[in-house]
């Protein structure tokens, strides 16, 4: 089995303090298969790696682009979908941003207080609202996304254009495959 950059294989008696992520993944795969009899070692490795990659990129974007500008990754996601899709009901914004309706409601309160977003009555019924960006919010999103897009370019540059397209294709295939089992997701 291949290991990640700089990883070493840790034996059962080795010091756990020396584990890095990749050697932990090797250890986990070995123990899960050998001690507990779980047969899907490659699937575990794939999802551990996918989750780790997602967490690293998300944390990097949040800490280098969004926190210095006073926002969280979640706030950026809500601002982003509202900026590009236009005025939205909170439920639709939640689905597009991959968030819960409650998270959108809480974030919207903060973004309204910050002057980035407004809530206006919806046309559907007396309880519905529409979220949209203020002029200040639209201007801020141009500046924020300039930083985001440059950081995206830096991350993507470690892969060739062909590799980027292959990774997108594989991730699309993985996501589309959720229909084969009872996958749960925010919507």
N, C-alpha and C. Protein backbone atom coordinates (compact mmCIF):
# COMPACT_ATOMS: atom_id res chain seq x y z
N UNK A 1 0.85 -1.18 0.00
CA UNK A 1 0.00 0.00 0.00
C UNK A 1 0.88 1.23 0.00
N UNK A 2 0.48 2.24 -0.77
CA UNK A 2 1.23 3.48 -0.81
C UNK A 2 0.98 4.27 0.47
N UNK A 3 1.98 5.02 0.84
CA UNK A 3 1.82 5.90 1.99
C UNK A 3 1.99 7.33 1.52
N UNK A 4 1.57 8.25 2.36
CA UNK A 4 1.64 9.66 2.00
C UNK A 4 3.04 10.21 2.14
N UNK A 5 3.21 11.47 1.82
CA UNK A 5 4.52 12.12 1.85
C UNK A 5 5.16 12.04 3.23
N UNK A 6 6.37 11.53 3.27
CA UNK A 6 7.12 11.50 4.52
C UNK A 6 6.61 10.51 5.56
N UNK A 7 5.65 9.68 5.19
CA UNK A 7 5.08 8.76 6.18
C UNK A 7 6.00 7.58 6.41
N UNK A 8 5.94 7.04 7.59
CA UNK A 8 6.62 5.79 7.87
C UNK A 8 5.60 4.86 8.48
N UNK A 9 5.81 3.58 8.29
CA UNK A 9 4.86 2.60 8.81
C UNK A 9 5.18 2.36 10.28
N UNK A 10 4.18 2.45 11.10
CA UNK A 10 4.32 2.27 12.54
C UNK A 10 3.88 0.85 12.88
N UNK A 11 4.72 0.16 13.59
CA UNK A 11 4.35 -1.18 14.05
C UNK A 11 3.51 -1.11 15.29
N UNK A 12 2.96 -2.24 15.70
CA UNK A 12 2.06 -2.27 16.85
C UNK A 12 2.76 -1.83 18.13
N UNK A 13 4.06 -2.04 18.23
CA UNK A 13 4.75 -1.67 19.46
C UNK A 13 5.40 -0.31 19.42
N UNK A 14 5.33 0.37 18.29
CA UNK A 14 5.99 1.66 18.15
C UNK A 14 5.31 2.74 18.98
N UNK A 15 6.04 3.81 19.22
CA UNK A 15 5.55 4.92 20.01
C UNK A 15 4.47 5.69 19.24
N UNK A 16 3.30 5.77 19.83
CA UNK A 16 2.18 6.46 19.19
C UNK A 16 2.41 7.97 19.09
N UNK A 17 3.33 8.49 19.87
CA UNK A 17 3.64 9.92 19.81
C UNK A 17 4.27 10.30 18.47
N UNK A 18 4.86 9.34 17.76
CA UNK A 18 5.51 9.62 16.48
C UNK A 18 4.55 9.52 15.30
N UNK A 19 3.29 9.22 15.56
CA UNK A 19 2.33 9.11 14.46
C UNK A 19 2.09 10.46 13.80
N UNK A 20 2.12 10.46 12.48
CA UNK A 20 1.61 11.60 11.74
C UNK A 20 0.33 11.11 11.07
N UNK A 21 -0.32 11.97 10.30
CA UNK A 21 -1.60 11.58 9.72
C UNK A 21 -1.47 10.32 8.86
N UNK A 22 -0.47 10.30 7.97
CA UNK A 22 -0.36 9.18 7.03
C UNK A 22 0.00 7.88 7.73
N UNK A 23 0.89 7.95 8.72
CA UNK A 23 1.23 6.71 9.43
C UNK A 23 0.04 6.26 10.30
N UNK A 24 -0.77 7.22 10.78
CA UNK A 24 -1.99 6.83 11.49
C UNK A 24 -2.96 6.13 10.56
N UNK A 25 -3.11 6.63 9.34
CA UNK A 25 -4.01 6.00 8.37
C UNK A 25 -3.55 4.57 8.09
N UNK A 26 -2.22 4.38 7.94
CA UNK A 26 -1.69 3.02 7.75
C UNK A 26 -1.99 2.14 8.97
N UNK A 27 -1.75 2.68 10.16
CA UNK A 27 -2.02 1.95 11.40
C UNK A 27 -3.50 1.60 11.51
N UNK A 28 -4.34 2.57 11.25
CA UNK A 28 -5.79 2.34 11.35
C UNK A 28 -6.22 1.25 10.38
N UNK A 29 -5.76 1.34 9.14
CA UNK A 29 -6.13 0.32 8.15
C UNK A 29 -5.70 -1.07 8.56
N UNK A 30 -4.47 -1.17 9.05
CA UNK A 30 -3.94 -2.46 9.50
C UNK A 30 -4.73 -3.01 10.69
N UNK A 31 -4.94 -2.18 11.69
CA UNK A 31 -5.64 -2.66 12.89
C UNK A 31 -7.09 -3.00 12.60
N UNK A 32 -7.77 -2.14 11.81
CA UNK A 32 -9.16 -2.41 11.48
C UNK A 32 -9.31 -3.72 10.73
N UNK A 33 -8.37 -4.01 9.83
CA UNK A 33 -8.43 -5.26 9.07
C UNK A 33 -7.98 -6.45 9.91
N UNK A 34 -6.80 -6.34 10.52
CA UNK A 34 -6.20 -7.49 11.21
C UNK A 34 -6.85 -7.80 12.55
N UNK A 35 -7.16 -6.81 13.34
CA UNK A 35 -7.70 -7.05 14.67
C UNK A 35 -9.22 -7.14 14.70
N UNK A 36 -9.88 -6.38 13.85
CA UNK A 36 -11.33 -6.29 13.92
C UNK A 36 -12.04 -6.90 12.72
N UNK A 37 -11.28 -7.27 11.69
CA UNK A 37 -11.85 -7.95 10.54
C UNK A 37 -12.64 -7.09 9.57
N UNK A 38 -12.46 -5.78 9.62
CA UNK A 38 -13.17 -4.92 8.65
C UNK A 38 -12.49 -5.04 7.29
N UNK A 39 -13.23 -5.42 6.26
CA UNK A 39 -12.61 -5.76 4.98
C UNK A 39 -12.36 -4.58 4.02
N UNK A 40 -12.89 -3.43 4.29
CA UNK A 40 -12.86 -2.35 3.29
C UNK A 40 -11.79 -1.30 3.60
N UNK A 41 -10.56 -1.78 3.66
CA UNK A 41 -9.42 -0.95 4.05
C UNK A 41 -9.22 0.22 3.09
N UNK A 42 -9.32 -0.01 1.80
CA UNK A 42 -9.10 1.06 0.82
C UNK A 42 -10.20 2.12 0.92
N UNK A 43 -11.43 1.71 1.16
CA UNK A 43 -12.53 2.66 1.31
C UNK A 43 -12.30 3.56 2.52
N UNK A 44 -11.83 2.97 3.62
CA UNK A 44 -11.52 3.75 4.81
C UNK A 44 -10.42 4.76 4.50
N UNK A 45 -9.37 4.31 3.83
CA UNK A 45 -8.26 5.20 3.48
C UNK A 45 -8.75 6.34 2.57
N UNK A 46 -9.57 6.01 1.59
CA UNK A 46 -10.09 7.02 0.67
C UNK A 46 -10.86 8.10 1.43
N UNK A 47 -11.78 7.69 2.30
CA UNK A 47 -12.61 8.68 3.00
C UNK A 47 -11.84 9.44 4.06
N UNK A 48 -10.90 8.80 4.74
CA UNK A 48 -10.05 9.53 5.68
C UNK A 48 -9.25 10.61 4.94
N UNK A 49 -8.70 10.25 3.79
CA UNK A 49 -7.91 11.19 3.00
C UNK A 49 -8.78 12.32 2.44
N UNK A 50 -9.95 11.98 1.94
CA UNK A 50 -10.88 12.98 1.41
C UNK A 50 -11.30 13.96 2.50
N UNK A 51 -11.67 13.45 3.66
CA UNK A 51 -12.06 14.30 4.78
C UNK A 51 -10.91 15.19 5.24
N UNK A 52 -9.71 14.61 5.29
CA UNK A 52 -8.55 15.38 5.73
C UNK A 52 -8.24 16.50 4.74
N UNK A 53 -8.26 16.18 3.45
CA UNK A 53 -7.99 17.19 2.42
C UNK A 53 -9.01 18.32 2.52
N UNK A 54 -10.27 17.97 2.66
CA UNK A 54 -11.33 18.97 2.76
C UNK A 54 -11.12 19.85 3.99
N UNK A 55 -10.79 19.24 5.11
CA UNK A 55 -10.59 20.01 6.35
C UNK A 55 -9.39 20.94 6.23
N UNK A 56 -8.31 20.47 5.62
CA UNK A 56 -7.10 21.30 5.48
C UNK A 56 -7.38 22.50 4.59
N UNK A 57 -8.00 22.26 3.44
CA UNK A 57 -8.28 23.36 2.51
C UNK A 57 -9.26 24.35 3.13
N UNK A 58 -10.32 23.84 3.75
CA UNK A 58 -11.31 24.72 4.36
C UNK A 58 -10.69 25.57 5.46
N UNK A 59 -9.89 24.95 6.34
CA UNK A 59 -9.24 25.71 7.41
C UNK A 59 -8.30 26.76 6.84
N UNK A 60 -7.55 26.39 5.80
CA UNK A 60 -6.63 27.35 5.19
C UNK A 60 -7.39 28.54 4.61
N UNK A 61 -8.45 28.28 3.86
CA UNK A 61 -9.23 29.37 3.28
C UNK A 61 -9.83 30.26 4.37
N UNK A 62 -10.35 29.63 5.41
CA UNK A 62 -10.96 30.41 6.49
C UNK A 62 -9.91 31.26 7.20
N UNK A 63 -8.75 30.67 7.51
CA UNK A 63 -7.76 31.39 8.31
C UNK A 63 -6.96 32.41 7.51
N UNK A 64 -6.80 32.21 6.20
CA UNK A 64 -6.01 33.16 5.42
C UNK A 64 -6.86 34.20 4.70
N UNK A 65 -8.10 33.86 4.36
CA UNK A 65 -8.93 34.77 3.58
C UNK A 65 -10.06 35.37 4.41
N UNK A 66 -10.81 34.54 5.12
CA UNK A 66 -12.07 35.00 5.72
C UNK A 66 -11.93 35.56 7.14
N UNK A 67 -11.23 34.89 8.02
CA UNK A 67 -11.09 35.41 9.39
C UNK A 67 -10.41 36.78 9.41
N UNK A 68 -9.35 36.99 8.61
CA UNK A 68 -8.75 38.33 8.62
C UNK A 68 -9.72 39.43 8.18
N UNK A 69 -10.77 39.06 7.48
CA UNK A 69 -11.77 40.03 7.04
C UNK A 69 -12.99 40.04 7.97
N UNK A 70 -12.90 39.30 9.07
CA UNK A 70 -13.96 39.32 10.07
C UNK A 70 -15.09 38.35 9.86
N UNK A 71 -14.92 37.35 8.99
CA UNK A 71 -16.00 36.40 8.72
C UNK A 71 -15.52 34.96 8.86
N UNK A 72 -16.46 34.07 9.03
CA UNK A 72 -16.18 32.64 9.08
C UNK A 72 -16.34 32.03 7.70
N UNK A 73 -15.93 30.79 7.56
CA UNK A 73 -16.13 30.05 6.31
C UNK A 73 -17.63 29.92 6.03
N UNK A 74 -18.42 29.65 7.06
CA UNK A 74 -19.87 29.51 6.88
C UNK A 74 -20.48 30.83 6.40
N UNK A 75 -20.06 31.94 6.97
CA UNK A 75 -20.58 33.24 6.53
C UNK A 75 -20.22 33.48 5.07
N UNK A 76 -18.99 33.14 4.69
CA UNK A 76 -18.60 33.30 3.29
C UNK A 76 -19.50 32.47 2.38
N UNK A 77 -19.78 31.24 2.76
CA UNK A 77 -20.63 30.38 1.91
C UNK A 77 -22.01 31.00 1.71
N UNK A 78 -22.60 31.54 2.76
CA UNK A 78 -23.91 32.17 2.64
C UNK A 78 -23.82 33.44 1.78
N UNK A 79 -22.83 34.27 2.03
CA UNK A 79 -22.64 35.47 1.21
C UNK A 79 -22.40 35.11 -0.25
N UNK A 80 -21.61 34.08 -0.49
CA UNK A 80 -21.24 33.65 -1.85
C UNK A 80 -22.47 33.24 -2.66
N UNK A 81 -23.32 32.37 -2.08
CA UNK A 81 -24.49 31.92 -2.84
C UNK A 81 -25.48 33.07 -3.04
N UNK A 82 -25.60 33.93 -2.06
CA UNK A 82 -26.53 35.06 -2.19
C UNK A 82 -25.99 36.08 -3.20
N UNK A 83 -24.69 36.25 -3.22
CA UNK A 83 -24.04 37.17 -4.16
C UNK A 83 -24.25 36.69 -5.60
N UNK A 84 -24.03 35.40 -5.84
CA UNK A 84 -24.07 34.90 -7.21
C UNK A 84 -25.46 34.47 -7.67
N UNK A 85 -26.27 33.91 -6.78
CA UNK A 85 -27.60 33.44 -7.17
C UNK A 85 -28.65 34.55 -7.06
N UNK A 86 -28.32 35.61 -6.33
CA UNK A 86 -29.28 36.70 -6.17
C UNK A 86 -30.14 36.49 -4.95
N UNK A 87 -31.13 37.32 -4.75
CA UNK A 87 -32.00 37.21 -3.57
C UNK A 87 -32.61 35.81 -3.46
N UNK A 88 -32.55 35.26 -2.24
CA UNK A 88 -32.99 33.89 -2.00
C UNK A 88 -33.78 33.77 -0.72
N UNK A 89 -34.71 32.84 -0.69
CA UNK A 89 -35.32 32.46 0.57
C UNK A 89 -34.27 31.70 1.38
N UNK A 90 -34.32 31.79 2.70
CA UNK A 90 -33.31 31.13 3.53
C UNK A 90 -33.18 29.62 3.26
N UNK A 91 -34.27 28.94 3.02
CA UNK A 91 -34.20 27.51 2.76
C UNK A 91 -33.43 27.19 1.49
N UNK A 92 -33.63 28.00 0.47
CA UNK A 92 -32.92 27.81 -0.80
C UNK A 92 -31.44 28.14 -0.62
N UNK A 93 -31.16 29.22 0.11
CA UNK A 93 -29.77 29.58 0.40
C UNK A 93 -29.08 28.45 1.17
N UNK A 94 -29.78 27.86 2.13
CA UNK A 94 -29.22 26.76 2.91
C UNK A 94 -28.87 25.58 2.00
N UNK A 95 -29.77 25.23 1.09
CA UNK A 95 -29.52 24.09 0.19
C UNK A 95 -28.31 24.36 -0.70
N UNK A 96 -28.22 25.56 -1.25
CA UNK A 96 -27.10 25.89 -2.13
C UNK A 96 -25.77 25.97 -1.39
N UNK A 97 -25.81 26.43 -0.15
CA UNK A 97 -24.58 26.56 0.65
C UNK A 97 -24.22 25.28 1.39
N UNK A 98 -25.10 24.27 1.36
CA UNK A 98 -24.83 23.03 2.08
C UNK A 98 -24.89 23.22 3.59
N UNK A 99 -25.84 24.01 4.03
CA UNK A 99 -25.98 24.33 5.45
C UNK A 99 -27.39 24.01 5.91
N UNK A 100 -27.59 24.01 7.21
CA UNK A 100 -28.94 23.84 7.75
C UNK A 100 -29.67 25.18 7.68
N UNK A 101 -30.97 25.11 7.70
CA UNK A 101 -31.79 26.33 7.69
C UNK A 101 -31.53 27.15 8.95
N UNK A 102 -31.34 26.47 10.07
CA UNK A 102 -31.06 27.17 11.33
C UNK A 102 -29.73 27.91 11.26
N UNK A 103 -28.71 27.30 10.65
CA UNK A 103 -27.41 27.97 10.51
C UNK A 103 -27.55 29.22 9.65
N UNK A 104 -28.30 29.12 8.56
CA UNK A 104 -28.52 30.27 7.69
C UNK A 104 -29.24 31.38 8.46
N UNK A 105 -30.24 31.02 9.23
CA UNK A 105 -30.99 32.00 10.00
C UNK A 105 -30.08 32.74 10.98
N UNK A 106 -29.24 32.00 11.69
CA UNK A 106 -28.32 32.61 12.65
C UNK A 106 -27.27 33.47 11.97
N UNK A 107 -26.70 32.97 10.87
CA UNK A 107 -25.70 33.75 10.14
C UNK A 107 -26.31 35.01 9.55
N UNK A 108 -27.52 34.89 9.02
CA UNK A 108 -28.18 36.05 8.41
C UNK A 108 -28.34 37.17 9.43
N UNK A 109 -28.68 36.83 10.67
CA UNK A 109 -28.82 37.86 11.71
C UNK A 109 -27.52 38.64 11.86
N UNK A 110 -26.40 37.93 11.92
CA UNK A 110 -25.09 38.57 12.07
C UNK A 110 -24.75 39.40 10.85
N UNK A 111 -24.98 38.85 9.66
CA UNK A 111 -24.65 39.56 8.43
C UNK A 111 -25.53 40.79 8.21
N UNK A 112 -26.78 40.71 8.65
CA UNK A 112 -27.66 41.89 8.60
C UNK A 112 -27.12 42.95 9.56
N UNK A 113 -26.74 42.55 10.77
CA UNK A 113 -26.20 43.50 11.75
C UNK A 113 -24.90 44.12 11.26
N UNK A 114 -24.12 43.36 10.48
CA UNK A 114 -22.85 43.87 9.92
C UNK A 114 -23.05 44.75 8.69
N UNK A 115 -24.29 44.85 8.21
CA UNK A 115 -24.57 45.67 7.04
C UNK A 115 -24.27 45.00 5.71
N UNK A 116 -24.03 43.70 5.73
CA UNK A 116 -23.68 42.97 4.51
C UNK A 116 -24.92 42.42 3.79
N UNK A 117 -25.99 42.23 4.54
CA UNK A 117 -27.16 41.53 4.01
C UNK A 117 -28.42 42.21 4.54
N UNK A 118 -29.51 42.08 3.79
CA UNK A 118 -30.82 42.54 4.26
C UNK A 118 -31.82 41.41 4.16
N UNK A 119 -32.79 41.46 5.04
CA UNK A 119 -33.93 40.52 5.02
C UNK A 119 -35.16 41.34 4.66
N UNK A 120 -35.85 40.94 3.60
CA UNK A 120 -37.07 41.64 3.21
C UNK A 120 -38.21 40.63 3.20
N UNK A 121 -39.43 41.10 3.39
CA UNK A 121 -40.58 40.16 3.38
C UNK A 121 -40.69 39.48 2.01
N UNK A 122 -40.99 38.18 2.06
CA UNK A 122 -41.20 37.42 0.84
C UNK A 122 -42.60 37.62 0.31
N UNK A 123 -42.79 37.27 -0.95
CA UNK A 123 -44.10 37.44 -1.58
C UNK A 123 -45.00 36.24 -1.36
N UNK A 124 -44.41 35.10 -0.99
CA UNK A 124 -45.18 33.86 -0.90
C UNK A 124 -46.23 33.90 0.20
N UNK A 125 -45.83 34.32 1.39
CA UNK A 125 -46.78 34.44 2.51
C UNK A 125 -46.21 35.43 3.52
N UNK A 126 -46.93 35.68 4.56
CA UNK A 126 -46.52 36.67 5.54
C UNK A 126 -45.30 36.28 6.36
N UNK A 127 -44.95 35.02 6.38
CA UNK A 127 -43.80 34.58 7.18
C UNK A 127 -42.51 34.46 6.39
N UNK A 128 -42.59 34.38 5.07
CA UNK A 128 -41.39 34.16 4.28
C UNK A 128 -40.55 35.43 4.18
N UNK A 129 -39.24 35.22 4.07
CA UNK A 129 -38.32 36.33 3.91
C UNK A 129 -37.39 36.04 2.74
N UNK A 130 -36.78 37.09 2.24
CA UNK A 130 -35.80 36.99 1.17
C UNK A 130 -34.50 37.59 1.68
N UNK A 131 -33.41 36.88 1.47
CA UNK A 131 -32.09 37.38 1.84
C UNK A 131 -31.41 37.94 0.59
N UNK A 132 -30.83 39.10 0.72
CA UNK A 132 -30.06 39.66 -0.39
C UNK A 132 -28.91 40.49 0.18
N UNK A 133 -27.92 40.73 -0.66
CA UNK A 133 -26.77 41.51 -0.23
C UNK A 133 -27.07 43.00 -0.37
N UNK A 134 -26.49 43.75 0.53
CA UNK A 134 -26.53 45.20 0.42
C UNK A 134 -25.46 45.63 -0.58
N UNK A 135 -25.45 46.89 -0.93
CA UNK A 135 -24.37 47.41 -1.78
C UNK A 135 -23.02 47.16 -1.12
N UNK A 136 -22.97 47.38 0.20
CA UNK A 136 -21.74 47.12 0.95
C UNK A 136 -21.35 45.64 0.85
N UNK A 137 -22.33 44.76 0.97
CA UNK A 137 -22.08 43.32 0.86
C UNK A 137 -21.56 42.92 -0.51
N UNK A 138 -22.14 43.48 -1.56
CA UNK A 138 -21.68 43.17 -2.92
C UNK A 138 -20.25 43.66 -3.12
N UNK A 139 -19.96 44.87 -2.65
CA UNK A 139 -18.59 45.39 -2.76
C UNK A 139 -17.60 44.54 -1.99
N UNK A 140 -18.00 44.15 -0.79
CA UNK A 140 -17.13 43.31 0.03
C UNK A 140 -16.88 41.96 -0.63
N UNK A 141 -17.90 41.39 -1.25
CA UNK A 141 -17.72 40.09 -1.89
C UNK A 141 -16.74 40.15 -3.05
N UNK A 142 -16.69 41.25 -3.77
CA UNK A 142 -15.68 41.39 -4.83
C UNK A 142 -14.28 41.31 -4.25
N UNK A 143 -14.06 42.02 -3.15
CA UNK A 143 -12.75 42.01 -2.50
C UNK A 143 -12.46 40.66 -1.85
N UNK A 144 -13.45 40.12 -1.16
CA UNK A 144 -13.26 38.83 -0.49
C UNK A 144 -12.98 37.73 -1.50
N UNK A 145 -13.76 37.70 -2.58
CA UNK A 145 -13.55 36.62 -3.53
C UNK A 145 -12.23 36.76 -4.30
N UNK A 146 -11.72 37.97 -4.45
CA UNK A 146 -10.41 38.12 -5.07
C UNK A 146 -9.36 37.37 -4.24
N UNK A 147 -9.43 37.51 -2.91
CA UNK A 147 -8.52 36.76 -2.04
C UNK A 147 -8.78 35.27 -2.09
N UNK A 148 -10.04 34.89 -2.08
CA UNK A 148 -10.43 33.47 -2.14
C UNK A 148 -9.93 32.84 -3.44
N UNK A 149 -10.18 33.52 -4.56
CA UNK A 149 -9.83 32.95 -5.86
C UNK A 149 -8.32 32.80 -6.02
N UNK A 150 -7.55 33.75 -5.49
CA UNK A 150 -6.09 33.62 -5.55
C UNK A 150 -5.63 32.42 -4.72
N UNK A 151 -6.23 32.24 -3.55
CA UNK A 151 -5.85 31.09 -2.72
C UNK A 151 -6.27 29.79 -3.40
N UNK A 152 -7.43 29.77 -4.04
CA UNK A 152 -7.86 28.59 -4.81
C UNK A 152 -6.84 28.27 -5.90
N UNK A 153 -6.37 29.31 -6.59
CA UNK A 153 -5.38 29.10 -7.64
C UNK A 153 -4.11 28.48 -7.07
N UNK A 154 -3.68 28.97 -5.89
CA UNK A 154 -2.48 28.41 -5.27
C UNK A 154 -2.67 26.93 -4.95
N UNK A 155 -3.81 26.58 -4.37
CA UNK A 155 -4.08 25.18 -4.06
C UNK A 155 -4.13 24.34 -5.34
N UNK A 156 -4.85 24.81 -6.33
CA UNK A 156 -5.03 24.03 -7.56
C UNK A 156 -3.73 23.90 -8.35
N UNK A 157 -2.80 24.83 -8.17
CA UNK A 157 -1.57 24.83 -8.97
C UNK A 157 -0.66 23.65 -8.70
N UNK A 158 -0.89 22.92 -7.62
CA UNK A 158 -0.06 21.73 -7.37
C UNK A 158 -0.45 20.58 -8.29
N UNK A 159 -1.58 20.72 -8.98
CA UNK A 159 -2.02 19.73 -9.96
C UNK A 159 -1.97 20.36 -11.35
N UNK A 160 -1.71 19.53 -12.34
CA UNK A 160 -1.80 20.03 -13.72
C UNK A 160 -3.27 20.27 -14.04
N UNK A 161 -3.54 20.97 -15.12
CA UNK A 161 -4.92 21.20 -15.52
C UNK A 161 -5.63 19.87 -15.78
N UNK A 162 -4.95 18.93 -16.38
CA UNK A 162 -5.53 17.60 -16.63
C UNK A 162 -5.85 16.91 -15.31
N UNK A 163 -4.93 16.97 -14.34
CA UNK A 163 -5.18 16.36 -13.04
C UNK A 163 -6.35 17.03 -12.33
N UNK A 164 -6.45 18.35 -12.45
CA UNK A 164 -7.58 19.05 -11.84
C UNK A 164 -8.89 18.55 -12.43
N UNK A 165 -8.94 18.41 -13.75
CA UNK A 165 -10.16 17.92 -14.40
C UNK A 165 -10.47 16.48 -14.02
N UNK A 166 -9.44 15.65 -13.88
CA UNK A 166 -9.65 14.27 -13.46
C UNK A 166 -10.19 14.22 -12.04
N UNK A 167 -9.61 15.02 -11.14
CA UNK A 167 -10.08 15.04 -9.76
C UNK A 167 -11.53 15.52 -9.69
N UNK A 168 -11.86 16.54 -10.43
CA UNK A 168 -13.25 17.02 -10.48
C UNK A 168 -14.16 15.90 -10.97
N UNK A 169 -13.75 15.21 -12.03
CA UNK A 169 -14.55 14.13 -12.58
C UNK A 169 -14.74 13.01 -11.54
N UNK A 170 -13.69 12.65 -10.83
CA UNK A 170 -13.78 11.59 -9.83
C UNK A 170 -14.66 12.01 -8.65
N UNK A 171 -14.50 13.25 -8.20
CA UNK A 171 -15.35 13.72 -7.09
C UNK A 171 -16.80 13.80 -7.52
N UNK A 172 -17.05 14.26 -8.76
CA UNK A 172 -18.43 14.28 -9.28
C UNK A 172 -19.01 12.87 -9.30
N UNK A 173 -18.19 11.90 -9.70
CA UNK A 173 -18.64 10.50 -9.76
C UNK A 173 -18.95 9.99 -8.35
N UNK A 174 -18.09 10.32 -7.40
CA UNK A 174 -18.32 9.91 -6.02
C UNK A 174 -19.62 10.51 -5.49
N UNK A 175 -19.84 11.79 -5.76
CA UNK A 175 -21.05 12.46 -5.29
C UNK A 175 -22.28 11.89 -5.97
N UNK A 176 -22.22 11.67 -7.27
CA UNK A 176 -23.36 11.11 -8.01
C UNK A 176 -23.68 9.69 -7.54
N UNK A 177 -22.67 8.96 -7.10
CA UNK A 177 -22.87 7.58 -6.64
C UNK A 177 -23.65 7.46 -5.35
N UNK A 178 -23.89 8.57 -4.68
CA UNK A 178 -24.65 8.52 -3.42
C UNK A 178 -26.06 7.99 -3.63
N UNK A 179 -26.56 8.04 -4.86
CA UNK A 179 -27.90 7.53 -5.16
C UNK A 179 -27.98 6.01 -5.04
N UNK A 180 -26.82 5.33 -5.01
CA UNK A 180 -26.80 3.87 -4.93
C UNK A 180 -27.06 3.35 -3.51
N UNK A 181 -27.02 4.22 -2.54
CA UNK A 181 -27.30 3.84 -1.16
C UNK A 181 -27.99 5.01 -0.49
N UNK A 182 -28.41 4.83 0.71
CA UNK A 182 -29.20 5.84 1.40
C UNK A 182 -28.30 6.91 2.03
N UNK A 183 -27.61 7.69 1.16
CA UNK A 183 -26.72 8.74 1.64
C UNK A 183 -27.53 9.89 2.19
N UNK A 184 -27.06 10.46 3.26
CA UNK A 184 -27.73 11.61 3.86
C UNK A 184 -26.91 12.84 3.62
N UNK A 185 -27.58 13.94 3.36
CA UNK A 185 -26.90 15.19 3.13
C UNK A 185 -27.82 16.33 3.51
N UNK A 186 -27.22 17.49 3.73
CA UNK A 186 -28.02 18.68 3.98
C UNK A 186 -28.63 19.10 2.66
N UNK A 187 -29.90 19.47 2.70
CA UNK A 187 -30.51 19.98 1.46
C UNK A 187 -31.61 20.94 1.79
